[in-house]
PDB file of N, CA and C in Angstrom:
ATOM      1  N   UNK A   1      41.696-101.522  68.283  1.00  0.00           N
ATOM      2  CA  UNK A   1      40.751-102.495  68.775  1.00  0.00           C
ATOM      3  C   UNK A   1      40.740-102.443  70.299  1.00  0.00           C
ATOM      4  N   UNK A   2      39.570-102.580  70.883  1.00  0.00           N
ATOM      5  CA  UNK A   2      39.386-102.595  72.331  1.00  0.00           C
ATOM      6  C   UNK A   2      38.964-104.001  72.752  1.00  0.00           C
ATOM      7  N   UNK A   3      39.470-104.468  73.878  1.00  0.00           N
ATOM      8  CA  UNK A   3      39.141-105.806  74.370  1.00  0.00           C
ATOM      9  C   UNK A   3      38.635-105.744  75.793  1.00  0.00           C
ATOM     10  N   UNK A   4      37.765-106.705  76.126  1.00  0.00           N
ATOM     11  CA  UNK A   4      37.348-106.898  77.505  1.00  0.00           C
ATOM     12  C   UNK A   4      37.560-108.374  77.842  1.00  0.00           C
ATOM     13  N   UNK A   5      37.845-108.635  79.106  1.00  0.00           N
ATOM     14  CA  UNK A   5      38.049-110.000  79.560  1.00  0.00           C
ATOM     15  C   UNK A   5      37.221-110.214  80.814  1.00  0.00           C
ATOM     16  N   UNK A   6      36.246-111.107  80.719  1.00  0.00           N
ATOM     17  CA  UNK A   6      35.411-111.472  81.857  1.00  0.00           C
ATOM     18  C   UNK A   6      35.964-112.744  82.462  1.00  0.00           C
ATOM     19  N   UNK A   7      36.086-112.757  83.790  1.00  0.00           N
ATOM     20  CA  UNK A   7      36.583-113.915  84.523  1.00  0.00           C
ATOM     21  C   UNK A   7      35.461-114.426  85.413  1.00  0.00           C
ATOM     22  N   UNK A   8      35.205-115.723  85.347  1.00  0.00           N
ATOM     23  CA  UNK A   8      34.161-116.336  86.157  1.00  0.00           C
ATOM     24  C   UNK A   8      34.545-117.787  86.423  1.00  0.00           C
ATOM     25  N   UNK A   9      33.625-118.550  86.965  1.00  0.00           N
ATOM     26  CA  UNK A   9      33.831-119.981  87.188  1.00  0.00           C
ATOM     27  C   UNK A   9      32.942-120.743  86.222  1.00  0.00           C
ATOM     28  N   UNK A  10      33.449-121.886  85.740  1.00  0.00           N
ATOM     29  CA  UNK A  10      32.699-122.709  84.805  1.00  0.00           C
ATOM     30  C   UNK A  10      32.494-124.087  85.422  1.00  0.00           C
ATOM     31  N   UNK A  11      31.320-124.642  85.232  1.00  0.00           N
ATOM     32  CA  UNK A  11      31.018-125.977  85.753  1.00  0.00           C
ATOM     33  C   UNK A  11      31.876-127.009  85.031  1.00  0.00           C
ATOM     34  N   UNK A  12      32.308-128.044  85.727  1.00  0.00           N
ATOM     35  CA  UNK A  12      33.113-129.091  85.092  1.00  0.00           C
ATOM     36  C   UNK A  12      32.391-129.687  83.880  1.00  0.00           C
ATOM     37  N   UNK A  13      33.114-129.808  82.785  1.00  0.00           N
ATOM     38  CA  UNK A  13      32.577-130.408  81.579  1.00  0.00           C
ATOM     39  C   UNK A  13      31.604-129.540  80.793  1.00  0.00           C
ATOM     40  N   UNK A  14      31.469-128.263  81.134  1.00  0.00           N
ATOM     41  CA  UNK A  14      30.471-127.401  80.502  1.00  0.00           C
ATOM     42  C   UNK A  14      30.992-126.641  79.285  1.00  0.00           C
ATOM     43  N   UNK A  15      32.260-126.743  78.968  1.00  0.00           N
ATOM     44  CA  UNK A  15      32.834-125.936  77.882  1.00  0.00           C
ATOM     45  C   UNK A  15      32.094-126.135  76.561  1.00  0.00           C
ATOM     46  N   UNK A  16      31.770-127.360  76.219  1.00  0.00           N
ATOM     47  CA  UNK A  16      31.083-127.628  74.945  1.00  0.00           C
ATOM     48  C   UNK A  16      29.691-126.991  74.936  1.00  0.00           C
ATOM     49  N   UNK A  17      28.970-127.069  76.046  1.00  0.00           N
ATOM     50  CA  UNK A  17      27.639-126.465  76.133  1.00  0.00           C
ATOM     51  C   UNK A  17      27.716-124.950  76.005  1.00  0.00           C
ATOM     52  N   UNK A  18      28.674-124.349  76.698  1.00  0.00           N
ATOM     53  CA  UNK A  18      28.835-122.890  76.645  1.00  0.00           C
ATOM     54  C   UNK A  18      29.211-122.460  75.231  1.00  0.00           C
ATOM     55  N   UNK A  19      30.124-123.197  74.607  1.00  0.00           N
ATOM     56  CA  UNK A  19      30.514-122.880  73.227  1.00  0.00           C
ATOM     57  C   UNK A  19      29.308-122.969  72.293  1.00  0.00           C
ATOM     58  N   UNK A  20      28.453-123.957  72.487  1.00  0.00           N
ATOM     59  CA  UNK A  20      27.259-124.098  71.655  1.00  0.00           C
ATOM     60  C   UNK A  20      26.301-122.931  71.819  1.00  0.00           C
ATOM     61  N   UNK A  21      26.136-122.464  73.052  1.00  0.00           N
ATOM     62  CA  UNK A  21      25.269-121.313  73.286  1.00  0.00           C
ATOM     63  C   UNK A  21      25.801-120.083  72.564  1.00  0.00           C
ATOM     64  N   UNK A  22      27.109-119.860  72.664  1.00  0.00           N
ATOM     65  CA  UNK A  22      27.686-118.688  71.995  1.00  0.00           C
ATOM     66  C   UNK A  22      27.720-118.853  70.482  1.00  0.00           C
ATOM     67  N   UNK A  23      27.894-120.068  70.008  1.00  0.00           N
ATOM     68  CA  UNK A  23      27.878-120.260  68.556  1.00  0.00           C
ATOM     69  C   UNK A  23      26.513-119.864  67.989  1.00  0.00           C
ATOM     70  N   UNK A  24      25.447-120.302  68.638  1.00  0.00           N
ATOM     71  CA  UNK A  24      24.102-119.936  68.183  1.00  0.00           C
ATOM     72  C   UNK A  24      23.891-118.422  68.283  1.00  0.00           C
ATOM     73  N   UNK A  25      24.331-117.826  69.382  1.00  0.00           N
ATOM     74  CA  UNK A  25      24.198-116.390  69.597  1.00  0.00           C
ATOM     75  C   UNK A  25      24.988-115.603  68.554  1.00  0.00           C
ATOM     76  N   UNK A  26      26.205-116.048  68.280  1.00  0.00           N
ATOM     77  CA  UNK A  26      27.078-115.334  67.346  1.00  0.00           C
ATOM     78  C   UNK A  26      26.656-115.499  65.886  1.00  0.00           C
ATOM     79  N   UNK A  27      25.774-116.451  65.621  1.00  0.00           N
ATOM     80  CA  UNK A  27      25.249-116.620  64.258  1.00  0.00           C
ATOM     81  C   UNK A  27      23.991-115.783  64.020  1.00  0.00           C
ATOM     82  N   UNK A  28      23.712-114.861  64.930  1.00  0.00           N
ATOM     83  CA  UNK A  28      22.634-113.888  64.748  1.00  0.00           C
ATOM     84  C   UNK A  28      23.299-112.536  64.470  1.00  0.00           C
ATOM     85  N   UNK A  29      22.501-111.490  64.384  1.00  0.00           N
ATOM     86  CA  UNK A  29      23.080-110.155  64.199  1.00  0.00           C
ATOM     87  C   UNK A  29      23.500-109.514  65.518  1.00  0.00           C
ATOM     88  N   UNK A  30      23.360-110.243  66.630  1.00  0.00           N
ATOM     89  CA  UNK A  30      23.694-109.672  67.933  1.00  0.00           C
ATOM     90  C   UNK A  30      25.145-109.195  68.040  1.00  0.00           C
ATOM     91  N   UNK A  31      26.133-109.953  67.594  1.00  0.00           N
ATOM     92  CA  UNK A  31      27.505-109.428  67.692  1.00  0.00           C
ATOM     93  C   UNK A  31      27.677-108.081  66.997  1.00  0.00           C
ATOM     94  N   UNK A  32      27.059-107.934  65.837  1.00  0.00           N
ATOM     95  CA  UNK A  32      27.163-106.663  65.124  1.00  0.00           C
ATOM     96  C   UNK A  32      26.475-105.544  65.907  1.00  0.00           C
ATOM     97  N   UNK A  33      25.312-105.826  66.478  1.00  0.00           N
ATOM     98  CA  UNK A  33      24.601-104.819  67.269  1.00  0.00           C
ATOM     99  C   UNK A  33      25.409-104.389  68.493  1.00  0.00           C
ATOM    100  N   UNK A  34      26.190-105.321  69.041  1.00  0.00           N
ATOM    101  CA  UNK A  34      26.987-105.044  70.232  1.00  0.00           C
ATOM    102  C   UNK A  34      28.380-104.525  69.885  1.00  0.00           C
ATOM    103  N   UNK A  35      28.730-104.515  68.600  1.00  0.00           N
ATOM    104  CA  UNK A  35      30.052-104.054  68.193  1.00  0.00           C
ATOM    105  C   UNK A  35      31.142-105.091  68.372  1.00  0.00           C
ATOM    106  N   UNK A  36      30.766-106.339  68.604  1.00  0.00           N
ATOM    107  CA  UNK A  36      31.742-107.416  68.820  1.00  0.00           C
ATOM    108  C   UNK A  36      32.370-107.819  67.493  1.00  0.00           C
ATOM    109  N   UNK A  37      33.691-107.841  67.467  1.00  0.00           N
ATOM    110  CA  UNK A  37      34.423-108.268  66.271  1.00  0.00           C
ATOM    111  C   UNK A  37      34.990-109.673  66.431  1.00  0.00           C
ATOM    112  N   UNK A  38      35.279-110.060  67.663  1.00  0.00           N
ATOM    113  CA  UNK A  38      35.810-111.400  67.913  1.00  0.00           C
ATOM    114  C   UNK A  38      35.485-111.777  69.350  1.00  0.00           C
ATOM    115  N   UNK A  39      35.181-113.064  69.537  1.00  0.00           N
ATOM    116  CA  UNK A  39      34.937-113.598  70.869  1.00  0.00           C
ATOM    117  C   UNK A  39      35.772-114.865  71.014  1.00  0.00           C
ATOM    118  N   UNK A  40      36.465-114.970  72.123  1.00  0.00           N
ATOM    119  CA  UNK A  40      37.214-116.176  72.431  1.00  0.00           C
ATOM    120  C   UNK A  40      36.872-116.599  73.856  1.00  0.00           C
ATOM    121  N   UNK A  41      36.659-117.893  74.038  1.00  0.00           N
ATOM    122  CA  UNK A  41      36.353-118.440  75.353  1.00  0.00           C
ATOM    123  C   UNK A  41      37.472-119.381  75.762  1.00  0.00           C
ATOM    124  N   UNK A  42      37.898-119.256  77.012  1.00  0.00           N
ATOM    125  CA  UNK A  42      38.972-120.090  77.544  1.00  0.00           C
ATOM    126  C   UNK A  42      38.532-120.694  78.867  1.00  0.00           C
ATOM    127  N   UNK A  43      39.093-121.832  79.173  1.00  0.00           N
ATOM    128  CA  UNK A  43      38.835-122.497  80.448  1.00  0.00           C
ATOM    129  C   UNK A  43      40.178-122.928  81.028  1.00  0.00           C
ATOM    130  N   UNK A  44      40.345-122.729  82.325  1.00  0.00           N
ATOM    131  CA  UNK A  44      41.562-123.176  82.993  1.00  0.00           C
ATOM    132  C   UNK A  44      41.229-123.510  84.451  1.00  0.00           C
ATOM    133  N   UNK A  45      41.324-124.783  84.791  1.00  0.00           N
ATOM    134  CA  UNK A  45      41.138-125.251  86.170  1.00  0.00           C
ATOM    135  C   UNK A  45      39.883-124.681  86.835  1.00  0.00           C
ATOM    136  N   UNK A  46      38.783-124.791  86.141  1.00  0.00           N
ATOM    137  CA  UNK A  46      37.510-124.333  86.686  1.00  0.00           C
ATOM    138  C   UNK A  46      37.227-122.860  86.498  1.00  0.00           C
ATOM    139  N   UNK A  47      38.163-122.144  85.880  1.00  0.00           N
ATOM    140  CA  UNK A  47      37.941-120.726  85.600  1.00  0.00           C
ATOM    141  C   UNK A  47      37.522-120.550  84.140  1.00  0.00           C
ATOM    142  N   UNK A  48      36.720-119.560  83.907  1.00  0.00           N
ATOM    143  CA  UNK A  48      36.181-119.233  82.590  1.00  0.00           C
ATOM    144  C   UNK A  48      36.676-117.838  82.226  1.00  0.00           C
ATOM    145  N   UNK A  49      37.211-117.721  81.023  1.00  0.00           N
ATOM    146  CA  UNK A  49      37.708-116.441  80.523  1.00  0.00           C
ATOM    147  C   UNK A  49      36.997-116.146  79.204  1.00  0.00           C
ATOM    148  N   UNK A  50      36.366-114.997  79.144  1.00  0.00           N
ATOM    149  CA  UNK A  50      35.591-114.601  77.971  1.00  0.00           C
ATOM    150  C   UNK A  50      36.223-113.324  77.427  1.00  0.00           C
ATOM    151  N   UNK A  51      36.994-113.483  76.359  1.00  0.00           N
ATOM    152  CA  UNK A  51      37.684-112.364  75.728  1.00  0.00           C
ATOM    153  C   UNK A  51      36.863-111.890  74.545  1.00  0.00           C
ATOM    154  N   UNK A  52      36.535-110.598  74.547  1.00  0.00           N
ATOM    155  CA  UNK A  52      35.708-110.024  73.506  1.00  0.00           C
ATOM    156  C   UNK A  52      36.417-108.796  72.939  1.00  0.00           C
ATOM    157  N   UNK A  53      36.535-108.752  71.627  1.00  0.00           N
ATOM    158  CA  UNK A  53      37.206-107.649  70.949  1.00  0.00           C
ATOM    159  C   UNK A  53      36.176-106.780  70.230  1.00  0.00           C
ATOM    160  N   UNK A  54      36.394-105.466  70.317  1.00  0.00           N
ATOM    161  CA  UNK A  54      35.523-104.469  69.703  1.00  0.00           C
ATOM    162  C   UNK A  54      36.381-103.549  68.842  1.00  0.00           C
ATOM    163  N   UNK A  55      35.766-102.945  67.826  1.00  0.00           N
ATOM    164  CA  UNK A  55      36.479-101.972  67.004  1.00  0.00           C
ATOM    165  C   UNK A  55      36.863-100.741  67.804  1.00  0.00           C
ATOM    166  N   UNK A  56      36.016-100.353  68.743  1.00  0.00           N
ATOM    167  CA  UNK A  56      36.233 -99.121  69.499  1.00  0.00           C
ATOM    168  C   UNK A  56      35.926 -99.354  70.973  1.00  0.00           C
ATOM    169  N   UNK A  57      36.196 -98.375  71.776  1.00  0.00           N
ATOM    170  CA  UNK A  57      36.017 -98.456  73.222  1.00  0.00           C
ATOM    171  C   UNK A  57      34.565 -98.253  73.649  1.00  0.00           C
ATOM    172  N   UNK A  58      33.624 -98.298  72.711  1.00  0.00           N
ATOM    173  CA  UNK A  58      32.226 -98.099  73.069  1.00  0.00           C
ATOM    174  C   UNK A  58      31.467 -99.421  73.187  1.00  0.00           C
ATOM    175  N   UNK A  59      32.189-100.553  73.246  1.00  0.00           N
ATOM    176  CA  UNK A  59      31.539-101.856  73.354  1.00  0.00           C
ATOM    177  C   UNK A  59      30.642-101.956  74.564  1.00  0.00           C
ATOM    178  N   UNK A  60      31.071-101.399  75.687  1.00  0.00           N
ATOM    179  CA  UNK A  60      30.255-101.442  76.893  1.00  0.00           C
ATOM    180  C   UNK A  60      28.929-100.740  76.711  1.00  0.00           C
ATOM    181  N   UNK A  61      28.946 -99.604  76.035  1.00  0.00           N
ATOM    182  CA  UNK A  61      27.720 -98.859  75.777  1.00  0.00           C
ATOM    183  C   UNK A  61      26.790 -99.641  74.858  1.00  0.00           C
ATOM    184  N   UNK A  62      27.354-100.256  73.826  1.00  0.00           N
ATOM    185  CA  UNK A  62      26.535-101.030  72.897  1.00  0.00           C
ATOM    186  C   UNK A  62      25.947-102.263  73.584  1.00  0.00           C
ATOM    187  N   UNK A  63      26.728-102.896  74.447  1.00  0.00           N
ATOM    188  CA  UNK A  63      26.224-104.061  75.178  1.00  0.00           C
ATOM    189  C   UNK A  63      25.095-103.638  76.110  1.00  0.00           C
ATOM    190  N   UNK A  64      25.260-102.508  76.778  1.00  0.00           N
ATOM    191  CA  UNK A  64      24.189-102.002  77.646  1.00  0.00           C
ATOM    192  C   UNK A  64      22.897-101.845  76.849  1.00  0.00           C
ATOM    193  N   UNK A  65      23.007-101.348  75.632  1.00  0.00           N
ATOM    194  CA  UNK A  65      21.836-101.173  74.787  1.00  0.00           C
ATOM    195  C   UNK A  65      21.224-102.487  74.341  1.00  0.00           C
ATOM    196  N   UNK A  66      22.035-103.542  74.263  1.00  0.00           N
ATOM    197  CA  UNK A  66      21.550-104.850  73.808  1.00  0.00           C
ATOM    198  C   UNK A  66      20.944-105.683  74.933  1.00  0.00           C
ATOM    199  N   UNK A  67      21.150-105.285  76.167  1.00  0.00           N
ATOM    200  CA  UNK A  67      20.716-106.099  77.311  1.00  0.00           C
ATOM    201  C   UNK A  67      19.212-106.366  77.343  1.00  0.00           C
ATOM    202  N   UNK A  68      18.417-105.524  76.709  1.00  0.00           N
ATOM    203  CA  UNK A  68      16.972-105.733  76.715  1.00  0.00           C
ATOM    204  C   UNK A  68      16.499-106.588  75.543  1.00  0.00           C
ATOM    205  N   UNK A  69      17.412-106.926  74.632  1.00  0.00           N
ATOM    206  CA  UNK A  69      17.061-107.786  73.504  1.00  0.00           C
ATOM    207  C   UNK A  69      16.773-109.198  74.035  1.00  0.00           C
ATOM    208  N   UNK A  70      15.691-109.826  73.614  1.00  0.00           N
ATOM    209  CA  UNK A  70      15.355-111.169  74.106  1.00  0.00           C
ATOM    210  C   UNK A  70      16.468-112.194  73.892  1.00  0.00           C
ATOM    211  N   UNK A  71      17.242-112.059  72.826  1.00  0.00           N
ATOM    212  CA  UNK A  71      18.343-113.004  72.577  1.00  0.00           C
ATOM    213  C   UNK A  71      19.446-112.834  73.607  1.00  0.00           C
ATOM    214  N   UNK A  72      19.736-111.610  73.981  1.00  0.00           N
ATOM    215  CA  UNK A  72      20.753-111.348  75.012  1.00  0.00           C
ATOM    216  C   UNK A  72      20.264-111.881  76.359  1.00  0.00           C
ATOM    217  N   UNK A  73      19.008-111.612  76.663  1.00  0.00           N
ATOM    218  CA  UNK A  73      18.452-112.074  77.934  1.00  0.00           C
ATOM    219  C   UNK A  73      18.416-113.604  77.980  1.00  0.00           C
ATOM    220  N   UNK A  74      18.124-114.251  76.852  1.00  0.00           N
ATOM    221  CA  UNK A  74      18.074-115.715  76.798  1.00  0.00           C
ATOM    222  C   UNK A  74      19.455-116.330  77.025  1.00  0.00           C
ATOM    223  N   UNK A  75      20.480-115.817  76.331  1.00  0.00           N
ATOM    224  CA  UNK A  75      21.802-116.417  76.524  1.00  0.00           C
ATOM    225  C   UNK A  75      22.300-116.159  77.943  1.00  0.00           C
ATOM    226  N   UNK A  76      22.011-114.989  78.479  1.00  0.00           N
ATOM    227  CA  UNK A  76      22.410-114.695  79.858  1.00  0.00           C
ATOM    228  C   UNK A  76      21.771-115.692  80.813  1.00  0.00           C
ATOM    229  N   UNK A  77      20.501-115.990  80.605  1.00  0.00           N
ATOM    230  CA  UNK A  77      19.795-116.940  81.452  1.00  0.00           C
ATOM    231  C   UNK A  77      20.320-118.366  81.237  1.00  0.00           C
ATOM    232  N   UNK A  78      20.540-118.749  79.979  1.00  0.00           N
ATOM    233  CA  UNK A  78      21.036-120.092  79.675  1.00  0.00           C
ATOM    234  C   UNK A  78      22.430-120.346  80.247  1.00  0.00           C
ATOM    235  N   UNK A  79      23.261-119.316  80.295  1.00  0.00           N
ATOM    236  CA  UNK A  79      24.622-119.465  80.811  1.00  0.00           C
ATOM    237  C   UNK A  79      24.653-119.701  82.322  1.00  0.00           C
ATOM    238  N   UNK A  80      23.603-119.306  83.024  1.00  0.00           N
ATOM    239  CA  UNK A  80      23.581-119.436  84.489  1.00  0.00           C
ATOM    240  C   UNK A  80      23.749-120.883  84.950  1.00  0.00           C
ATOM    241  N   UNK A  81      23.381-121.840  84.114  1.00  0.00           N
ATOM    242  CA  UNK A  81      23.557-123.265  84.470  1.00  0.00           C
ATOM    243  C   UNK A  81      25.022-123.667  84.492  1.00  0.00           C
ATOM    244  N   UNK A  82      25.850-122.925  83.754  1.00  0.00           N
ATOM    245  CA  UNK A  82      27.235-123.330  83.552  1.00  0.00           C
ATOM    246  C   UNK A  82      28.266-122.355  84.114  1.00  0.00           C
ATOM    247  N   UNK A  83      27.930-121.077  84.149  1.00  0.00           N
ATOM    248  CA  UNK A  83      28.876-120.029  84.531  1.00  0.00           C
ATOM    249  C   UNK A  83      28.393-119.363  85.813  1.00  0.00           C
ATOM    250  N   UNK A  84      29.298-119.248  86.786  1.00  0.00           N
ATOM    251  CA  UNK A  84      28.955-118.556  88.031  1.00  0.00           C
ATOM    252  C   UNK A  84      30.005-117.486  88.305  1.00  0.00           C
ATOM    253  N   UNK A  85      29.631-116.537  89.113  1.00  0.00           N
ATOM    254  CA  UNK A  85      30.525-115.418  89.433  1.00  0.00           C
ATOM    255  C   UNK A  85      31.786-115.911  90.124  1.00  0.00           C
ATOM    256  N   UNK A  86      32.894-115.290  89.804  1.00  0.00           N
ATOM    257  CA  UNK A  86      34.153-115.596  90.487  1.00  0.00           C
ATOM    258  C   UNK A  86      34.046-115.213  91.957  1.00  0.00           C
ATOM    259  N   UNK A  87      33.456-114.069  92.218  1.00  0.00           N
ATOM    260  CA  UNK A  87      33.249-113.593  93.586  1.00  0.00           C
ATOM    261  C   UNK A  87      31.779-113.203  93.744  1.00  0.00           C
ATOM    262  N   UNK A  88      30.933-114.149  94.142  1.00  0.00           N
ATOM    263  CA  UNK A  88      29.496-113.863  94.237  1.00  0.00           C
ATOM    264  C   UNK A  88      29.158-112.704  95.170  1.00  0.00           C
ATOM    265  N   UNK A  89      30.001-112.429  96.148  1.00  0.00           N
ATOM    266  CA  UNK A  89      29.714-111.354  97.100  1.00  0.00           C
ATOM    267  C   UNK A  89      29.767-109.971  96.452  1.00  0.00           C
ATOM    268  N   UNK A  90      30.531-109.833  95.371  1.00  0.00           N
ATOM    269  CA  UNK A  90      30.680-108.514  94.751  1.00  0.00           C
ATOM    270  C   UNK A  90      30.047-108.429  93.368  1.00  0.00           C
ATOM    271  N   UNK A  91      29.517-109.551  92.850  1.00  0.00           N
ATOM    272  CA  UNK A  91      29.006-109.564  91.483  1.00  0.00           C
ATOM    273  C   UNK A  91      27.589-109.020  91.405  1.00  0.00           C
ATOM    274  N   UNK A  92      27.410-108.027  90.518  1.00  0.00           N
ATOM    275  CA  UNK A  92      26.084-107.493  90.221  1.00  0.00           C
ATOM    276  C   UNK A  92      25.822-107.533  88.717  1.00  0.00           C
ATOM    277  N   UNK A  93      26.887-107.453  87.921  1.00  0.00           N
ATOM    278  CA  UNK A  93      26.758-107.502  86.469  1.00  0.00           C
ATOM    279  C   UNK A  93      28.102-107.966  85.901  1.00  0.00           C
ATOM    280  N   UNK A  94      28.160-108.298  84.600  1.00  0.00           N
ATOM    281  CA  UNK A  94      29.433-108.712  84.009  1.00  0.00           C
ATOM    282  C   UNK A  94      30.556-107.693  84.219  1.00  0.00           C
ATOM    283  N   UNK A  95      30.219-106.432  84.359  1.00  0.00           N
ATOM    284  CA  UNK A  95      31.249-105.410  84.593  1.00  0.00           C
ATOM    285  C   UNK A  95      32.023-105.689  85.883  1.00  0.00           C
ATOM    286  N   UNK A  96      31.381-106.351  86.844  1.00  0.00           N
ATOM    287  CA  UNK A  96      32.043-106.678  88.110  1.00  0.00           C
ATOM    288  C   UNK A  96      32.998-107.861  87.970  1.00  0.00           C
ATOM    289  N   UNK A  97      32.996-108.497  86.812  1.00  0.00           N
ATOM    290  CA  UNK A  97      33.859-109.653  86.580  1.00  0.00           C
ATOM    291  C   UNK A  97      34.929-109.362  85.535  1.00  0.00           C
ATOM    292  N   UNK A  98      35.055-108.108  85.118  1.00  0.00           N
ATOM    293  CA  UNK A  98      36.027-107.770  84.075  1.00  0.00           C
ATOM    294  C   UNK A  98      37.413-107.561  84.660  1.00  0.00           C
ATOM    295  N   UNK A  99      38.353-108.213  84.024  1.00  0.00           N
ATOM    296  CA  UNK A  99      39.745-108.059  84.420  1.00  0.00           C
ATOM    297  C   UNK A  99      40.230-106.662  84.035  1.00  0.00           C
ATOM    298  N   UNK A 100      41.214-106.176  84.765  1.00  0.00           N
ATOM    299  CA  UNK A 100      41.796-104.869  84.489  1.00  0.00           C
ATOM    300  C   UNK A 100      43.123-105.057  83.757  1.00  0.00           C
ATOM    301  N   UNK A 101      43.218-104.470  82.589  1.00  0.00           N
ATOM    302  CA  UNK A 101      44.469-104.550  81.834  1.00  0.00           C
ATOM    303  C   UNK A 101      45.513-103.676  82.519  1.00  0.00           C
ATOM    304  N   UNK A 102      46.698-104.235  82.703  1.00  0.00           N
ATOM    305  CA  UNK A 102      47.760-103.446  83.301  1.00  0.00           C
ATOM    306  C   UNK A 102      49.014-103.400  82.433  1.00  0.00           C
ATOM    307  N   UNK A 103      48.961-104.031  81.243  1.00  0.00           N
ATOM    308  CA  UNK A 103      50.058-103.936  80.290  1.00  0.00           C
ATOM    309  C   UNK A 103      49.513-104.259  78.918  1.00  0.00           C
ATOM    310  N   UNK A 104      49.976-103.550  77.900  1.00  0.00           N
ATOM    311  CA  UNK A 104      49.520-103.758  76.540  1.00  0.00           C
ATOM    312  C   UNK A 104      50.694-103.508  75.604  1.00  0.00           C
ATOM    313  N   UNK A 105      50.933-104.428  74.696  1.00  0.00           N
ATOM    314  CA  UNK A 105      52.000-104.277  73.718  1.00  0.00           C
ATOM    315  C   UNK A 105      51.463-104.750  72.382  1.00  0.00           C
ATOM    316  N   UNK A 106      51.876-104.113  71.308  1.00  0.00           N
ATOM    317  CA  UNK A 106      51.502-104.514  69.958  1.00  0.00           C
ATOM    318  C   UNK A 106      52.692-104.331  69.029  1.00  0.00           C
ATOM    319  N   UNK A 107      52.760-105.146  68.039  1.00  0.00           N
ATOM    320  CA  UNK A 107      53.795-105.057  67.005  1.00  0.00           C
ATOM    321  C   UNK A 107      53.665-103.688  66.335  1.00  0.00           C
ATOM    322  N   UNK A 108      54.761-102.933  66.210  1.00  0.00           N
ATOM    323  CA  UNK A 108      54.681-101.627  65.542  1.00  0.00           C
ATOM    324  C   UNK A 108      54.358-101.748  64.064  1.00  0.00           C
TER     325      UNK A 108
END
């Protein structure tokens, strides 16, 4: 399984709204089209963490292909009210907000 972690800022009190947007999105076929197997959202002191698990390392390619889907564009636009870039000076796409894994361990 491959995972990505997006780090951003979340507006105070917005967790329920963001969860609702993703719940509606995840109840479509979009996760399957993007190769998403699991999505987890976390909040900590104004920070937003979006952990997404994929079966394979091609999740980025599948997401790129989904970016033109109206549902993807709608959720991206709807999230702008609640989620902002961690570093607006360097942000151009979600790829600019992805954390870099530097250690990985799994039960044998």
